[in-house]
Amino acid sequence: MEDISFQHVFSRVYSYLCEAGIEMTSERCRQLLQLIDDAVAEVGESANQTASAETFHGSPTLGGHRLLRSAMDRLPEYFTLPEVRIPTPAPDLCRGSIGYRCRG
């Protein structure tokens, strides 16, 4: 799998926040940059500690993907995300509600 760049991580997190309904003001963009900065620091520290273990297992996790995962995991610490509400289906699904009629 190809590694992803810092700009892609920023774009993906920014897009996620916009799609979640958060208006991205200049203050929130600064929060996003701080979030990514903290995620970069965490990934850098963990990369130094786990470099030999990843090489040993033969499946290294690429830095950009670790950065994206770390940034997404940190989102609730920096932003208040709206709760996801799944709408209830209406009307109740039953055989007649999709157009089948009794034949007989």
Protein backbone atom coordinates (compact mmCIF):
# COMPACT_ATOMS: atom_id res chain seq x y z
CA MET A 1 0.00 0.00 0.00
CA GLU A 2 1.30 3.44 -0.87
CA ASP A 3 2.08 5.85 1.94
CA ILE A 4 0.00 9.05 2.15
CA SER A 5 1.38 12.56 2.57
CA PHE A 6 0.79 15.13 5.27
CA GLN A 7 -1.36 17.18 2.86
CA HIS A 8 -3.60 14.16 2.22
CA VAL A 9 -4.01 13.62 5.96
CA PHE A 10 -4.98 17.28 6.42
CA SER A 11 -7.41 17.13 3.48
CA ARG A 12 -9.09 13.95 4.68
CA VAL A 13 -9.56 15.18 8.25
CA TYR A 14 -10.73 18.60 7.00
CA SER A 15 -13.25 16.96 4.65
CA TYR A 16 -14.48 14.69 7.44
CA LEU A 17 -15.12 17.68 9.69
CA CYS A 18 -16.94 19.58 6.94
CA GLU A 19 -19.11 16.56 6.13
CA ALA A 20 -19.88 16.16 9.84
CA GLY A 21 -21.41 19.63 9.76
CA ILE A 22 -18.63 21.56 11.50
CA GLU A 23 -18.08 25.02 10.06
CA MET A 24 -14.35 25.44 9.51
CA THR A 25 -13.47 28.91 10.76
CA SER A 26 -9.89 30.18 11.04
CA GLU A 27 -9.86 29.20 14.73
CA ARG A 28 -10.99 25.66 13.93
CA CYS A 29 -8.38 25.38 11.16
CA ARG A 30 -5.74 26.29 13.75
CA GLN A 31 -7.19 23.60 16.04
CA LEU A 32 -6.94 21.12 13.17
CA LEU A 33 -3.30 22.03 12.57
CA GLN A 34 -2.59 21.61 16.30
CA LEU A 35 -4.34 18.22 16.24
CA ILE A 36 -2.19 17.07 13.32
CA ASP A 37 0.96 18.47 14.97
CA ASP A 38 0.21 16.43 18.11
CA ALA A 39 -0.52 13.35 15.98
CA VAL A 40 2.81 13.80 14.14
CA ALA A 41 4.62 13.97 17.49
CA GLU A 42 2.87 10.80 18.71
CA VAL A 43 3.58 8.88 15.50
CA GLY A 44 7.23 9.98 15.58
CA GLU A 45 7.63 8.76 19.16
CA SER A 46 5.88 5.45 18.52
CA ALA A 47 7.85 4.89 15.30
CA ASN A 48 11.11 5.07 17.22
CA GLN A 49 9.86 2.59 19.82
CA THR A 50 8.29 0.06 17.43
CA ALA A 51 10.60 0.19 14.40
CA SER A 52 12.33 -3.06 15.23
CA ALA A 53 9.07 -4.87 16.04
CA GLU A 54 7.48 -3.84 12.71
CA THR A 55 10.49 -4.96 10.74
CA PHE A 56 10.53 -8.24 12.63
CA HIS A 57 6.91 -9.04 11.79
CA GLY A 58 7.47 -8.23 8.11
CA SER A 59 4.45 -5.92 7.72
CA PRO A 60 5.44 -2.33 8.44
CA THR A 61 2.64 0.15 9.00
CA LEU A 62 3.32 3.17 6.83
CA GLY A 63 3.81 6.53 8.55
CA GLY A 64 1.06 8.44 6.73
CA HIS A 65 -1.53 5.82 7.58
CA ARG A 66 -0.47 5.83 11.23
CA LEU A 67 -0.68 9.63 11.16
CA LEU A 68 -4.20 9.54 9.71
CA ARG A 69 -5.34 6.94 12.26
CA SER A 70 -3.82 8.97 15.10
CA ALA A 71 -5.43 12.20 13.87
CA MET A 72 -8.86 10.57 13.50
CA ASP A 73 -8.57 9.01 16.97
CA ARG A 74 -7.80 12.45 18.44
CA LEU A 75 -10.74 14.28 16.80
CA PRO A 76 -13.11 14.08 19.82
CA GLU A 77 -10.43 15.72 21.99
CA TYR A 78 -10.31 18.79 19.74
CA PHE A 79 -13.77 19.07 18.18
CA THR A 80 -17.32 18.47 19.37
CA LEU A 81 -18.67 16.07 16.80
CA PRO A 82 -22.43 15.75 16.34
CA GLU A 83 -23.92 12.42 17.30
CA VAL A 84 -24.85 10.14 14.44
CA ARG A 85 -28.56 9.46 14.34
CA ILE A 86 -29.82 6.66 12.17
CA PRO A 87 -33.37 7.41 11.04
CA THR A 88 -36.05 4.83 11.68
CA PRO A 89 -37.54 3.32 8.54
CA ALA A 90 -41.06 4.46 7.76
CA PRO A 91 -43.30 2.82 6.79
CA ASP A 92 -42.44 -0.52 8.29
CA LEU A 93 -40.92 -2.77 5.69
CA CYS A 94 -43.21 -5.59 4.67
CA ARG A 95 -43.84 -7.47 1.46
CA GLY A 96 -46.75 -5.25 0.41
CA SER A 97 -44.78 -2.04 0.84
CA ILE A 98 -42.46 -2.84 -2.06
CA GLY A 99 -45.15 -3.49 -4.65
CA TYR A 100 -45.82 -7.23 -4.47
CA ARG A 101 -49.45 -8.27 -4.62
CA CYS A 102 -51.04 -11.53 -3.65
CA ARG A 103 -51.43 -13.87 -6.57
CA GLY A 104 -53.54 -16.79 -6.16
